[in-house]
Amino acid sequence: MDREAVLQYVTAKYNTQPEYPWRKYPHYAVLRHQHNRKWYAIIMDVKKENLDQVAGQAEDMMDLKLNPETVELLQTESGFLPAYHMNKSNWISVRISQVARDQICKLIDASYKLTEK
């Protein structure tokens, strides 16, 4: 899965259009509910050195809000990191290119449900 596939998924399922609120980070896309304006995801291109990786090109990451138990469990799996610039007990970073499409879609759905209240 890639950034465009994620954006196509949320547009088709939730009628979400990405918002790009920061001039300094023009590729950071916020995904939010239409009715309450709460974020349920943010997609970012993060430099690998900021992820404690070997320097190189930026990588597309997505932060999702999940329950703390799920966050803790996922952090032990490949393709997941503690949330980048978010509360690390309630959010997790997904390395989009390293996680299966079905799992990403399920996690997006869980984040959407959790934040719709």
PDB file of N, CA and C in Angstrom:
ATOM      1  N   MET A   1       0.853  -1.180   0.000  1.00  0.00           N
ATOM      2  CA  MET A   1       0.000   0.000   0.000  1.00  0.00           C
ATOM      3  C   MET A   1       0.894   1.237   0.000  1.00  0.00           C
ATOM      4  N   ASP A   2       0.378   2.313  -0.553  1.00  0.00           N
ATOM      5  CA  ASP A   2       1.121   3.566  -0.554  1.00  0.00           C
ATOM      6  C   ASP A   2       0.180   4.701  -0.159  1.00  0.00           C
ATOM      7  N   ARG A   3       0.744   5.896  -0.085  1.00  0.00           N
ATOM      8  CA  ARG A   3      -0.012   7.093   0.330  1.00  0.00           C
ATOM      9  C   ARG A   3      -1.281   7.273  -0.516  1.00  0.00           C
ATOM     10  N   GLU A   4      -1.155   7.170  -1.826  1.00  0.00           N
ATOM     11  CA  GLU A   4      -2.304   7.379  -2.703  1.00  0.00           C
ATOM     12  C   GLU A   4      -3.401   6.351  -2.462  1.00  0.00           C
ATOM     13  N   ALA A   5      -3.024   5.111  -2.217  1.00  0.00           N
ATOM     14  CA  ALA A   5      -4.018   4.067  -1.931  1.00  0.00           C
ATOM     15  C   ALA A   5      -4.751   4.352  -0.624  1.00  0.00           C
ATOM     16  N   VAL A   6      -4.032   4.853   0.373  1.00  0.00           N
ATOM     17  CA  VAL A   6      -4.668   5.229   1.640  1.00  0.00           C
ATOM     18  C   VAL A   6      -5.671   6.347   1.396  1.00  0.00           C
ATOM     19  N   LEU A   7      -5.265   7.366   0.666  1.00  0.00           N
ATOM     20  CA  LEU A   7      -6.157   8.495   0.398  1.00  0.00           C
ATOM     21  C   LEU A   7      -7.377   8.072  -0.415  1.00  0.00           C
ATOM     22  N   GLN A   8      -7.200   7.169  -1.358  1.00  0.00           N
ATOM     23  CA  GLN A   8      -8.336   6.647  -2.118  1.00  0.00           C
ATOM     24  C   GLN A   8      -9.289   5.876  -1.209  1.00  0.00           C
ATOM     25  N   TYR A   9      -8.736   5.097  -0.291  1.00  0.00           N
ATOM     26  CA  TYR A   9      -9.560   4.320   0.637  1.00  0.00           C
ATOM     27  C   TYR A   9     -10.419   5.236   1.509  1.00  0.00           C
ATOM     28  N   VAL A  10      -9.818   6.246   2.132  1.00  0.00           N
ATOM     29  CA  VAL A  10     -10.579   7.111   3.047  1.00  0.00           C
ATOM     30  C   VAL A  10     -11.568   7.993   2.288  1.00  0.00           C
ATOM     31  N   THR A  11     -11.253   8.331   1.058  1.00  0.00           N
ATOM     32  CA  THR A  11     -12.206   9.103   0.253  1.00  0.00           C
ATOM     33  C   THR A  11     -13.421   8.244  -0.084  1.00  0.00           C
ATOM     34  N   ALA A  12     -13.185   7.018  -0.502  1.00  0.00           N
ATOM     35  CA  ALA A  12     -14.286   6.133  -0.878  1.00  0.00           C
ATOM     36  C   ALA A  12     -15.131   5.718   0.326  1.00  0.00           C
ATOM     37  N   LYS A  13     -14.496   5.394   1.431  1.00  0.00           N
ATOM     38  CA  LYS A  13     -15.237   4.865   2.584  1.00  0.00           C
ATOM     39  C   LYS A  13     -15.820   5.952   3.471  1.00  0.00           C
ATOM     40  N   TYR A  14     -15.090   7.035   3.696  1.00  0.00           N
ATOM     41  CA  TYR A  14     -15.508   8.051   4.663  1.00  0.00           C
ATOM     42  C   TYR A  14     -15.733   9.437   4.049  1.00  0.00           C
ATOM     43  N   ASN A  15     -15.556   9.538   2.756  1.00  0.00           N
ATOM     44  CA  ASN A  15     -15.688  10.821   2.068  1.00  0.00           C
ATOM     45  C   ASN A  15     -14.756  11.882   2.682  1.00  0.00           C
ATOM     46  N   THR A  16     -13.580  11.431   3.100  1.00  0.00           N
ATOM     47  CA  THR A  16     -12.590  12.320   3.698  1.00  0.00           C
ATOM     48  C   THR A  16     -11.664  12.867   2.621  1.00  0.00           C
ATOM     49  N   GLN A  17     -11.506  14.169   2.635  1.00  0.00           N
ATOM     50  CA  GLN A  17     -10.527  14.821   1.771  1.00  0.00           C
ATOM     51  C   GLN A  17      -9.353  15.246   2.649  1.00  0.00           C
ATOM     52  N   PRO A  18      -8.134  14.950   2.252  1.00  0.00           N
ATOM     53  CA  PRO A  18      -6.984  15.329   3.076  1.00  0.00           C
ATOM     54  C   PRO A  18      -6.850  16.843   3.180  1.00  0.00           C
ATOM     55  N   GLU A  19      -6.387  17.281   4.329  1.00  0.00           N
ATOM     56  CA  GLU A  19      -6.089  18.695   4.551  1.00  0.00           C
ATOM     57  C   GLU A  19      -4.582  18.818   4.737  1.00  0.00           C
ATOM     58  N   TYR A  20      -4.017  19.885   4.224  1.00  0.00           N
ATOM     59  CA  TYR A  20      -2.582  20.130   4.298  1.00  0.00           C
ATOM     60  C   TYR A  20      -2.363  21.445   5.054  1.00  0.00           C
ATOM     61  N   PRO A  21      -2.371  21.395   6.392  1.00  0.00           N
ATOM     62  CA  PRO A  21      -2.388  22.635   7.181  1.00  0.00           C
ATOM     63  C   PRO A  21      -1.045  23.337   7.385  1.00  0.00           C
ATOM     64  N   TRP A  22       0.068  22.708   7.053  1.00  0.00           N
ATOM     65  CA  TRP A  22       1.368  23.305   7.367  1.00  0.00           C
ATOM     66  C   TRP A  22       2.166  23.620   6.116  1.00  0.00           C
ATOM     67  N   ARG A  23       2.546  24.869   5.965  1.00  0.00           N
ATOM     68  CA  ARG A  23       3.400  25.261   4.833  1.00  0.00           C
ATOM     69  C   ARG A  23       4.762  24.604   4.922  1.00  0.00           C
ATOM     70  N   LYS A  24       5.280  24.499   6.144  1.00  0.00           N
ATOM     71  CA  LYS A  24       6.611  23.914   6.340  1.00  0.00           C
ATOM     72  C   LYS A  24       6.632  22.430   5.957  1.00  0.00           C
ATOM     73  N   TYR A  25       5.486  21.775   6.067  1.00  0.00           N
ATOM     74  CA  TYR A  25       5.381  20.342   5.759  1.00  0.00           C
ATOM     75  C   TYR A  25       4.259  20.133   4.739  1.00  0.00           C
ATOM     76  N   PRO A  26       4.494  20.475   3.492  1.00  0.00           N
ATOM     77  CA  PRO A  26       3.423  20.448   2.495  1.00  0.00           C
ATOM     78  C   PRO A  26       2.886  19.054   2.163  1.00  0.00           C
ATOM     79  N   HIS A  27       3.597  18.000   2.554  1.00  0.00           N
ATOM     80  CA  HIS A  27       3.139  16.644   2.261  1.00  0.00           C
ATOM     81  C   HIS A  27       2.480  15.979   3.467  1.00  0.00           C
ATOM     82  N   TYR A  28       2.336  16.692   4.563  1.00  0.00           N
ATOM     83  CA  TYR A  28       1.660  16.157   5.744  1.00  0.00           C
ATOM     84  C   TYR A  28       0.159  16.339   5.554  1.00  0.00           C
ATOM     85  N   ALA A  29      -0.565  15.243   5.456  1.00  0.00           N
ATOM     86  CA  ALA A  29      -2.002  15.261   5.206  1.00  0.00           C
ATOM     87  C   ALA A  29      -2.755  14.829   6.463  1.00  0.00           C
ATOM     88  N   VAL A  30      -3.650  15.686   6.928  1.00  0.00           N
ATOM     89  CA  VAL A  30      -4.491  15.376   8.077  1.00  0.00           C
ATOM     90  C   VAL A  30      -5.811  14.821   7.565  1.00  0.00           C
ATOM     91  N   LEU A  31      -6.251  13.723   8.180  1.00  0.00           N
ATOM     92  CA  LEU A  31      -7.545  13.127   7.858  1.00  0.00           C
ATOM     93  C   LEU A  31      -8.437  13.305   9.074  1.00  0.00           C
ATOM     94  N   ARG A  32      -9.589  13.965   8.881  1.00  0.00           N
ATOM     95  CA  ARG A  32     -10.468  14.230  10.019  1.00  0.00           C
ATOM     96  C   ARG A  32     -11.929  13.966   9.670  1.00  0.00           C
ATOM     97  N   HIS A  33     -12.690  13.779  10.748  1.00  0.00           N
ATOM     98  CA  HIS A  33     -14.134  13.609  10.609  1.00  0.00           C
ATOM     99  C   HIS A  33     -14.749  14.907  10.109  1.00  0.00           C
ATOM    100  N   GLN A  34     -15.764  14.774   9.293  1.00  0.00           N
ATOM    101  CA  GLN A  34     -16.445  15.961   8.800  1.00  0.00           C
ATOM    102  C   GLN A  34     -17.311  16.602   9.885  1.00  0.00           C
ATOM    103  N   HIS A  35     -17.929  15.796  10.740  1.00  0.00           N
ATOM    104  CA  HIS A  35     -18.887  16.345  11.701  1.00  0.00           C
ATOM    105  C   HIS A  35     -18.255  16.909  12.972  1.00  0.00           C
ATOM    106  N   ASN A  36     -17.159  16.328  13.461  1.00  0.00           N
ATOM    107  CA  ASN A  36     -16.565  16.839  14.709  1.00  0.00           C
ATOM    108  C   ASN A  36     -15.153  17.401  14.530  1.00  0.00           C
ATOM    109  N   ARG A  37     -14.606  17.285  13.329  1.00  0.00           N
ATOM    110  CA  ARG A  37     -13.295  17.821  12.963  1.00  0.00           C
ATOM    111  C   ARG A  37     -12.126  17.149  13.690  1.00  0.00           C
ATOM    112  N   LYS A  38     -12.376  16.060  14.404  1.00  0.00           N
ATOM    113  CA  LYS A  38     -11.288  15.342  15.083  1.00  0.00           C
ATOM    114  C   LYS A  38     -10.454  14.583  14.056  1.00  0.00           C
ATOM    115  N   TRP A  39      -9.162  14.576  14.320  1.00  0.00           N
ATOM    116  CA  TRP A  39      -8.247  13.810  13.475  1.00  0.00           C
ATOM    117  C   TRP A  39      -8.423  12.323  13.765  1.00  0.00           C
ATOM    118  N   TYR A  40      -8.380  11.523  12.707  1.00  0.00           N
ATOM    119  CA  TYR A  40      -8.283  10.080  12.909  1.00  0.00           C
ATOM    120  C   TYR A  40      -7.006   9.530  12.278  1.00  0.00           C
ATOM    121  N   ALA A  41      -6.328  10.360  11.491  1.00  0.00           N
ATOM    122  CA  ALA A  41      -5.047   9.941  10.920  1.00  0.00           C
ATOM    123  C   ALA A  41      -4.292  11.157  10.409  1.00  0.00           C
ATOM    124  N   ILE A  42      -2.993  10.972  10.337  1.00  0.00           N
ATOM    125  CA  ILE A  42      -2.136  11.962   9.676  1.00  0.00           C
ATOM    126  C   ILE A  42      -1.096  11.170   8.887  1.00  0.00           C
ATOM    127  N   ILE A  43      -0.912  11.566   7.648  1.00  0.00           N
ATOM    128  CA  ILE A  43       0.072  10.920   6.778  1.00  0.00           C
ATOM    129  C   ILE A  43       1.210  11.913   6.585  1.00  0.00           C
ATOM    130  N   MET A  44       2.432  11.416   6.798  1.00  0.00           N
ATOM    131  CA  MET A  44       3.609  12.282   6.747  1.00  0.00           C
ATOM    132  C   MET A  44       4.710  11.621   5.942  1.00  0.00           C
ATOM    133  N   ASP A  45       5.536  12.438   5.351  1.00  0.00           N
ATOM    134  CA  ASP A  45       6.781  11.916   4.783  1.00  0.00           C
ATOM    135  C   ASP A  45       7.890  12.313   5.762  1.00  0.00           C
ATOM    136  N   VAL A  46       8.454  11.323   6.406  1.00  0.00           N
ATOM    137  CA  VAL A  46       9.405  11.545   7.497  1.00  0.00           C
ATOM    138  C   VAL A  46      10.794  11.114   7.043  1.00  0.00           C
ATOM    139  N   LYS A  47      11.760  11.969   7.302  1.00  0.00           N
ATOM    140  CA  LYS A  47      13.141  11.619   6.968  1.00  0.00           C
ATOM    141  C   LYS A  47      13.566  10.412   7.796  1.00  0.00           C
ATOM    142  N   LYS A  48      14.247   9.492   7.157  1.00  0.00           N
ATOM    143  CA  LYS A  48      14.636   8.257   7.841  1.00  0.00           C
ATOM    144  C   LYS A  48      15.520   8.511   9.051  1.00  0.00           C
ATOM    145  N   GLU A  49      16.351   9.554   9.001  1.00  0.00           N
ATOM    146  CA  GLU A  49      17.205   9.827  10.166  1.00  0.00           C
ATOM    147  C   GLU A  49      16.372  10.268  11.371  1.00  0.00           C
ATOM    148  N   ASN A  50      15.167  10.796  11.138  1.00  0.00           N
ATOM    149  CA  ASN A  50      14.279  11.150  12.247  1.00  0.00           C
ATOM    150  C   ASN A  50      13.622   9.923  12.868  1.00  0.00           C
ATOM    151  N   LEU A  51      13.729   8.797  12.190  1.00  0.00           N
ATOM    152  CA  LEU A  51      13.169   7.537  12.683  1.00  0.00           C
ATOM    153  C   LEU A  51      14.260   6.624  13.232  1.00  0.00           C
ATOM    154  N   ASP A  52      15.427   7.194  13.486  1.00  0.00           N
ATOM    155  CA  ASP A  52      16.580   6.418  13.942  1.00  0.00           C
ATOM    156  C   ASP A  52      16.966   5.342  12.935  1.00  0.00           C
ATOM    157  N   GLN A  53      16.794   5.681  11.672  1.00  0.00           N
ATOM    158  CA  GLN A  53      17.182   4.787  10.587  1.00  0.00           C
ATOM    159  C   GLN A  53      18.405   5.380   9.904  1.00  0.00           C
ATOM    160  N   VAL A  54      18.982   4.636   9.000  1.00  0.00           N
ATOM    161  CA  VAL A  54      20.085   5.149   8.206  1.00  0.00           C
ATOM    162  C   VAL A  54      19.547   6.300   7.353  1.00  0.00           C
ATOM    163  N   ALA A  55      20.338   7.337   7.213  1.00  0.00           N
ATOM    164  CA  ALA A  55      19.910   8.490   6.423  1.00  0.00           C
ATOM    165  C   ALA A  55      19.527   8.051   5.015  1.00  0.00           C
ATOM    166  N   GLY A  56      18.557   8.720   4.484  1.00  0.00           N
ATOM    167  CA  GLY A  56      18.100   8.400   3.135  1.00  0.00           C
ATOM    168  C   GLY A  56      16.850   9.177   2.817  1.00  0.00           C
ATOM    169  N   GLN A  57      16.156   8.743   1.807  1.00  0.00           N
ATOM    170  CA  GLN A  57      14.946   9.424   1.402  1.00  0.00           C
ATOM    171  C   GLN A  57      13.885   9.361   2.503  1.00  0.00           C
ATOM    172  N   ALA A  58      12.913  10.230   2.402  1.00  0.00           N
ATOM    173  CA  ALA A  58      11.803  10.223   3.352  1.00  0.00           C
ATOM    174  C   ALA A  58      10.916   9.006   3.110  1.00  0.00           C
ATOM    175  N   GLU A  59      10.243   8.613   4.154  1.00  0.00           N
ATOM    176  CA  GLU A  59       9.352   7.457   4.100  1.00  0.00           C
ATOM    177  C   GLU A  59       7.950   7.906   4.504  1.00  0.00           C
ATOM    178  N   ASP A  60       6.936   7.416   3.794  1.00  0.00           N
ATOM    179  CA  ASP A  60       5.563   7.736   4.165  1.00  0.00           C
ATOM    180  C   ASP A  60       5.161   6.940   5.399  1.00  0.00           C
ATOM    181  N   MET A  61       4.694   7.688   6.395  1.00  0.00           N
ATOM    182  CA  MET A  61       4.233   7.119   7.662  1.00  0.00           C
ATOM    183  C   MET A  61       2.802   7.600   7.879  1.00  0.00           C
ATOM    184  N   MET A  62       2.053   6.846   8.669  1.00  0.00           N
ATOM    185  CA  MET A  62       0.712   7.277   9.025  1.00  0.00           C
ATOM    186  C   MET A  62       0.516   7.053  10.515  1.00  0.00           C
ATOM    187  N   ASP A  63       0.110   8.108  11.226  1.00  0.00           N
ATOM    188  CA  ASP A  63      -0.236   7.982  12.635  1.00  0.00           C
ATOM    189  C   ASP A  63      -1.731   7.722  12.747  1.00  0.00           C
ATOM    190  N   LEU A  64      -2.079   6.744  13.572  1.00  0.00           N
ATOM    191  CA  LEU A  64      -3.470   6.380  13.815  1.00  0.00           C
ATOM    192  C   LEU A  64      -3.723   6.318  15.311  1.00  0.00           C
ATOM    193  N   LYS A  65      -4.915   6.703  15.715  1.00  0.00           N
ATOM    194  CA  LYS A  65      -5.294   6.626  17.124  1.00  0.00           C
ATOM    195  C   LYS A  65      -5.968   5.281  17.372  1.00  0.00           C
ATOM    196  N   LEU A  66      -5.454   4.559  18.362  1.00  0.00           N
ATOM    197  CA  LEU A  66      -5.987   3.236  18.707  1.00  0.00           C
ATOM    198  C   LEU A  66      -6.029   3.113  20.225  1.00  0.00           C
ATOM    199  N   ASN A  67      -6.674   2.073  20.715  1.00  0.00           N
ATOM    200  CA  ASN A  67      -6.685   1.903  22.172  1.00  0.00           C
ATOM    201  C   ASN A  67      -5.277   1.518  22.633  1.00  0.00           C
ATOM    202  N   PRO A  68      -4.919   1.872  23.859  1.00  0.00           N
ATOM    203  CA  PRO A  68      -3.547   1.654  24.343  1.00  0.00           C
ATOM    204  C   PRO A  68      -3.069   0.205  24.259  1.00  0.00           C
ATOM    205  N   GLU A  69      -3.957  -0.749  24.470  1.00  0.00           N
ATOM    206  CA  GLU A  69      -3.558  -2.164  24.388  1.00  0.00           C
ATOM    207  C   GLU A  69      -3.122  -2.527  22.972  1.00  0.00           C
ATOM    208  N   THR A  70      -3.859  -2.042  21.999  1.00  0.00           N
ATOM    209  CA  THR A  70      -3.512  -2.315  20.594  1.00  0.00           C
ATOM    210  C   THR A  70      -2.206  -1.634  20.224  1.00  0.00           C
ATOM    211  N   VAL A  71      -2.032  -0.399  20.677  1.00  0.00           N
ATOM    212  CA  VAL A  71      -0.785   0.333  20.410  1.00  0.00           C
ATOM    213  C   VAL A  71       0.397  -0.451  20.963  1.00  0.00           C
ATOM    214  N   GLU A  72       0.286  -0.896  22.191  1.00  0.00           N
ATOM    215  CA  GLU A  72       1.380  -1.639  22.830  1.00  0.00           C
ATOM    216  C   GLU A  72       1.687  -2.923  22.071  1.00  0.00           C
ATOM    217  N   LEU A  73       0.665  -3.641  21.656  1.00  0.00           N
ATOM    218  CA  LEU A  73       0.856  -4.893  20.924  1.00  0.00           C
ATOM    219  C   LEU A  73       1.500  -4.642  19.562  1.00  0.00           C
ATOM    220  N   LEU A  74       1.018  -3.648  18.833  1.00  0.00           N
ATOM    221  CA  LEU A  74       1.542  -3.386  17.497  1.00  0.00           C
ATOM    222  C   LEU A  74       3.000  -2.931  17.514  1.00  0.00           C
ATOM    223  N   GLN A  75       3.415  -2.271  18.592  1.00  0.00           N
ATOM    224  CA  GLN A  75       4.798  -1.795  18.650  1.00  0.00           C
ATOM    225  C   GLN A  75       5.808  -2.940  18.670  1.00  0.00           C
ATOM    226  N   THR A  76       5.346  -4.142  18.906  1.00  0.00           N
ATOM    227  CA  THR A  76       6.241  -5.304  18.884  1.00  0.00           C
ATOM    228  C   THR A  76       6.334  -5.914  17.484  1.00  0.00           C
ATOM    229  N   GLU A  77       5.503  -5.436  16.556  1.00  0.00           N
ATOM    230  CA  GLU A  77       5.465  -5.989  15.205  1.00  0.00           C
ATOM    231  C   GLU A  77       6.263  -5.137  14.227  1.00  0.00           C
ATOM    232  N   SER A  78       6.753  -5.790  13.196  1.00  0.00           N
ATOM    233  CA  SER A  78       7.468  -5.100  12.136  1.00  0.00           C
ATOM    234  C   SER A  78       6.513  -4.166  11.394  1.00  0.00           C
ATOM    235  N   GLY A  79       6.997  -2.976  11.045  1.00  0.00           N
ATOM    236  CA  GLY A  79       6.190  -2.024  10.299  1.00  0.00           C
ATOM    237  C   GLY A  79       5.503  -0.984  11.164  1.00  0.00           C
ATOM    238  N   PHE A  80       5.718  -1.073  12.483  1.00  0.00           N
ATOM    239  CA  PHE A  80       5.088  -0.136  13.410  1.00  0.00           C
ATOM    240  C   PHE A  80       6.147   0.485  14.315  1.00  0.00           C
ATOM    241  N   LEU A  81       5.938   1.760  14.637  1.00  0.00           N
ATOM    242  CA  LEU A  81       6.845   2.504  15.519  1.00  0.00           C
ATOM    243  C   LEU A  81       6.019   3.323  16.502  1.00  0.00           C
ATOM    244  N   PRO A  82       6.636   3.730  17.619  1.00  0.00           N
ATOM    245  CA  PRO A  82       5.921   4.675  18.490  1.00  0.00           C
ATOM    246  C   PRO A  82       5.509   5.904  17.673  1.00  0.00           C
ATOM    247  N   ALA A  83       4.387   6.461  18.015  1.00  0.00           N
ATOM    248  CA  ALA A  83       3.819   7.574  17.238  1.00  0.00           C
ATOM    249  C   ALA A  83       4.811   8.711  17.055  1.00  0.00           C
ATOM    250  N   TYR A  84       4.893   9.200  15.839  1.00  0.00           N
ATOM    251  CA  TYR A  84       5.755  10.319  15.500  1.00  0.00           C
ATOM    252  C   TYR A  84       4.994  11.605  15.792  1.00  0.00           C
ATOM    253  N   HIS A  85       5.459  12.372  16.766  1.00  0.00           N
ATOM    254  CA  HIS A  85       4.867  13.661  17.153  1.00  0.00           C
ATOM    255  C   HIS A  85       3.456  13.564  17.725  1.00  0.00           C
ATOM    256  N   MET A  86       3.083  12.416  18.275  1.00  0.00           N
ATOM    257  CA  MET A  86       1.751  12.267  18.876  1.00  0.00           C
ATOM    258  C   MET A  86       1.912  11.522  20.201  1.00  0.00           C
ATOM    259  N   ASN A  87       0.843  11.470  20.985  1.00  0.00           N
ATOM    260  CA  ASN A  87       0.840  10.737  22.246  1.00  0.00           C
ATOM    261  C   ASN A  87       1.134   9.263  21.967  1.00  0.00           C
ATOM    262  N   LYS A  88       2.207   8.770  22.519  1.00  0.00           N
ATOM    263  CA  LYS A  88       2.678   7.430  22.195  1.00  0.00           C
ATOM    264  C   LYS A  88       1.876   6.302  22.847  1.00  0.00           C
ATOM    265  N   SER A  89       1.008   6.616  23.789  1.00  0.00           N
ATOM    266  CA  SER A  89       0.187   5.548  24.377  1.00  0.00           C
ATOM    267  C   SER A  89      -1.127   5.380  23.620  1.00  0.00           C
ATOM    268  N   ASN A  90      -1.548   6.388  22.863  1.00  0.00           N
ATOM    269  CA  ASN A  90      -2.820   6.320  22.144  1.00  0.00           C
ATOM    270  C   ASN A  90      -2.686   6.361  20.622  1.00  0.00           C
ATOM    271  N   TRP A  91      -1.510   6.639  20.132  1.00  0.00           N
ATOM    272  CA  TRP A  91      -1.282   6.727  18.695  1.00  0.00           C
ATOM    273  C   TRP A  91      -0.100   5.834  18.322  1.00  0.00           C
ATOM    274  N   ILE A  92      -0.110   5.360  17.088  1.00  0.00           N
ATOM    275  CA  ILE A  92       0.995   4.543  16.579  1.00  0.00           C
ATOM    276  C   ILE A  92       1.330   4.991  15.163  1.00  0.00           C
ATOM    277  N   SER A  93       2.592   4.872  14.806  1.00  0.00           N
ATOM    278  CA  SER A  93       3.026   5.173  13.439  1.00  0.00           C
ATOM    279  C   SER A  93       3.099   3.876  12.641  1.00  0.00           C
ATOM    280  N   VAL A  94       2.510   3.929  11.475  1.00  0.00           N
ATOM    281  CA  VAL A  94       2.490   2.780  10.564  1.00  0.00           C
ATOM    282  C   VAL A  94       3.407   3.100   9.393  1.00  0.00           C
ATOM    283  N   ARG A  95       4.346   2.222   9.139  1.00  0.00           N
ATOM    284  CA  ARG A  95       5.209   2.364   7.962  1.00  0.00           C
ATOM    285  C   ARG A  95       4.412   1.802   6.785  1.00  0.00           C
ATOM    286  N   ILE A  96       3.768   2.691   6.052  1.00  0.00           N
ATOM    287  CA  ILE A  96       2.756   2.314   5.067  1.00  0.00           C
ATOM    288  C   ILE A  96       3.242   1.250   4.089  1.00  0.00           C
ATOM    289  N   SER A  97       4.452   1.374   3.624  1.00  0.00           N
ATOM    290  CA  SER A  97       4.952   0.428   2.613  1.00  0.00           C
ATOM    291  C   SER A  97       5.286  -0.944   3.195  1.00  0.00           C
ATOM    292  N   GLN A  98       5.303  -1.067   4.523  1.00  0.00           N
ATOM    293  CA  GLN A  98       5.719  -2.324   5.147  1.00  0.00           C
ATOM    294  C   GLN A  98       4.576  -3.118   5.785  1.00  0.00           C
ATOM    295  N   VAL A  99       3.374  -2.585   5.735  1.00  0.00           N
ATOM    296  CA  VAL A  99       2.239  -3.253   6.378  1.00  0.00           C
ATOM    297  C   VAL A  99       1.206  -3.595   5.302  1.00  0.00           C
ATOM    298  N   ALA A 100       0.593  -4.758   5.441  1.00  0.00           N
ATOM    299  CA  ALA A 100      -0.381  -5.244   4.453  1.00  0.00           C
ATOM    300  C   ALA A 100      -1.595  -4.319   4.362  1.00  0.00           C
ATOM    301  N   ARG A 101      -2.111  -4.189   3.165  1.00  0.00           N
ATOM    302  CA  ARG A 101      -3.265  -3.326   2.897  1.00  0.00           C
ATOM    303  C   ARG A 101      -4.440  -3.646   3.818  1.00  0.00           C
ATOM    304  N   ASP A 102      -4.787  -4.919   3.963  1.00  0.00           N
ATOM    305  CA  ASP A 102      -5.935  -5.293   4.802  1.00  0.00           C
ATOM    306  C   ASP A 102      -5.753  -4.824   6.235  1.00  0.00           C
ATOM    307  N   GLN A 103      -4.567  -4.977   6.766  1.00  0.00           N
ATOM    308  CA  GLN A 103      -4.311  -4.547   8.133  1.00  0.00           C
ATOM    309  C   GLN A 103      -4.387  -3.022   8.254  1.00  0.00           C
ATOM    310  N   ILE A 104      -3.830  -2.311   7.286  1.00  0.00           N
ATOM    311  CA  ILE A 104      -3.899  -0.852   7.315  1.00  0.00           C
ATOM    312  C   ILE A 104      -5.358  -0.400   7.275  1.00  0.00           C
ATOM    313  N   CYS A 105      -6.157  -0.989   6.415  1.00  0.00           N
ATOM    314  CA  CYS A 105      -7.569  -0.598   6.314  1.00  0.00           C
ATOM    315  C   CYS A 105      -8.306  -0.862   7.621  1.00  0.00           C
ATOM    316  N   LYS A 106      -8.057  -1.988   8.256  1.00  0.00           N
ATOM    317  CA  LYS A 106      -8.695  -2.299   9.547  1.00  0.00           C
ATOM    318  C   LYS A 106      -8.279  -1.291  10.621  1.00  0.00           C
ATOM    319  N   LEU A 107      -7.014  -0.906  10.619  1.00  0.00           N
ATOM    320  CA  LEU A 107      -6.535   0.058  11.609  1.00  0.00           C
ATOM    321  C   LEU A 107      -7.102   1.456  11.357  1.00  0.00           C
ATOM    322  N   ILE A 108      -7.220   1.835  10.092  1.00  0.00           N
ATOM    323  CA  ILE A 108      -7.861   3.122   9.765  1.00  0.00           C
ATOM    324  C   ILE A 108      -9.302   3.103  10.272  1.00  0.00           C
ATOM    325  N   ASP A 109     -10.011   2.013  10.019  1.00  0.00           N
ATOM    326  CA  ASP A 109     -11.399   1.894  10.467  1.00  0.00           C
ATOM    327  C   ASP A 109     -11.501   1.995  11.989  1.00  0.00           C
ATOM    328  N   ALA A 110     -10.582   1.348  12.693  1.00  0.00           N
ATOM    329  CA  ALA A 110     -10.587   1.396  14.164  1.00  0.00           C
ATOM    330  C   ALA A 110     -10.323   2.813  14.659  1.00  0.00           C
ATOM    331  N   SER A 111      -9.393   3.506  14.031  1.00  0.00           N
ATOM    332  CA  SER A 111      -9.082   4.881  14.419  1.00  0.00           C
ATOM    333  C   SER A 111     -10.275   5.799  14.139  1.00  0.00           C
ATOM    334  N   TYR A 112     -10.917   5.599  13.016  1.00  0.00           N
ATOM    335  CA  TYR A 112     -12.086   6.398  12.664  1.00  0.00           C
ATOM    336  C   TYR A 112     -13.188   6.218  13.712  1.00  0.00           C
ATOM    337  N   LYS A 113     -13.476   4.969  14.077  1.00  0.00           N
ATOM    338  CA  LYS A 113     -14.518   4.686  15.071  1.00  0.00           C
ATOM    339  C   LYS A 113     -14.166   5.284  16.421  1.00  0.00           C
ATOM    340  N   LEU A 114     -12.921   5.133  16.820  1.00  0.00           N
ATOM    341  CA  LEU A 114     -12.485   5.617  18.128  1.00  0.00           C
ATOM    342  C   LEU A 114     -12.594   7.135  18.249  1.00  0.00           C
ATOM    343  N   THR A 115     -12.421   7.834  17.174  1.00  0.00           N
ATOM    344  CA  THR A 115     -12.412   9.299  17.212  1.00  0.00           C
ATOM    345  C   THR A 115     -13.739   9.929  16.789  1.00  0.00           C
ATOM    346  N   GLU A 116     -14.737   9.129  16.437  1.00  0.00           N
ATOM    347  CA  GLU A 116     -15.984   9.724  15.958  1.00  0.00           C
ATOM    348  C   GLU A 116     -16.907  10.213  17.055  1.00  0.00           C
ATOM    349  N   LYS A 117     -16.639   9.858  18.298  1.00  0.00           N
ATOM    350  CA  LYS A 117     -17.492  10.263  19.412  1.00  0.00           C
ATOM    351  C   LYS A 117     -17.301  11.718  19.769  1.00  0.00           C
TER     352      LYS A 117
END
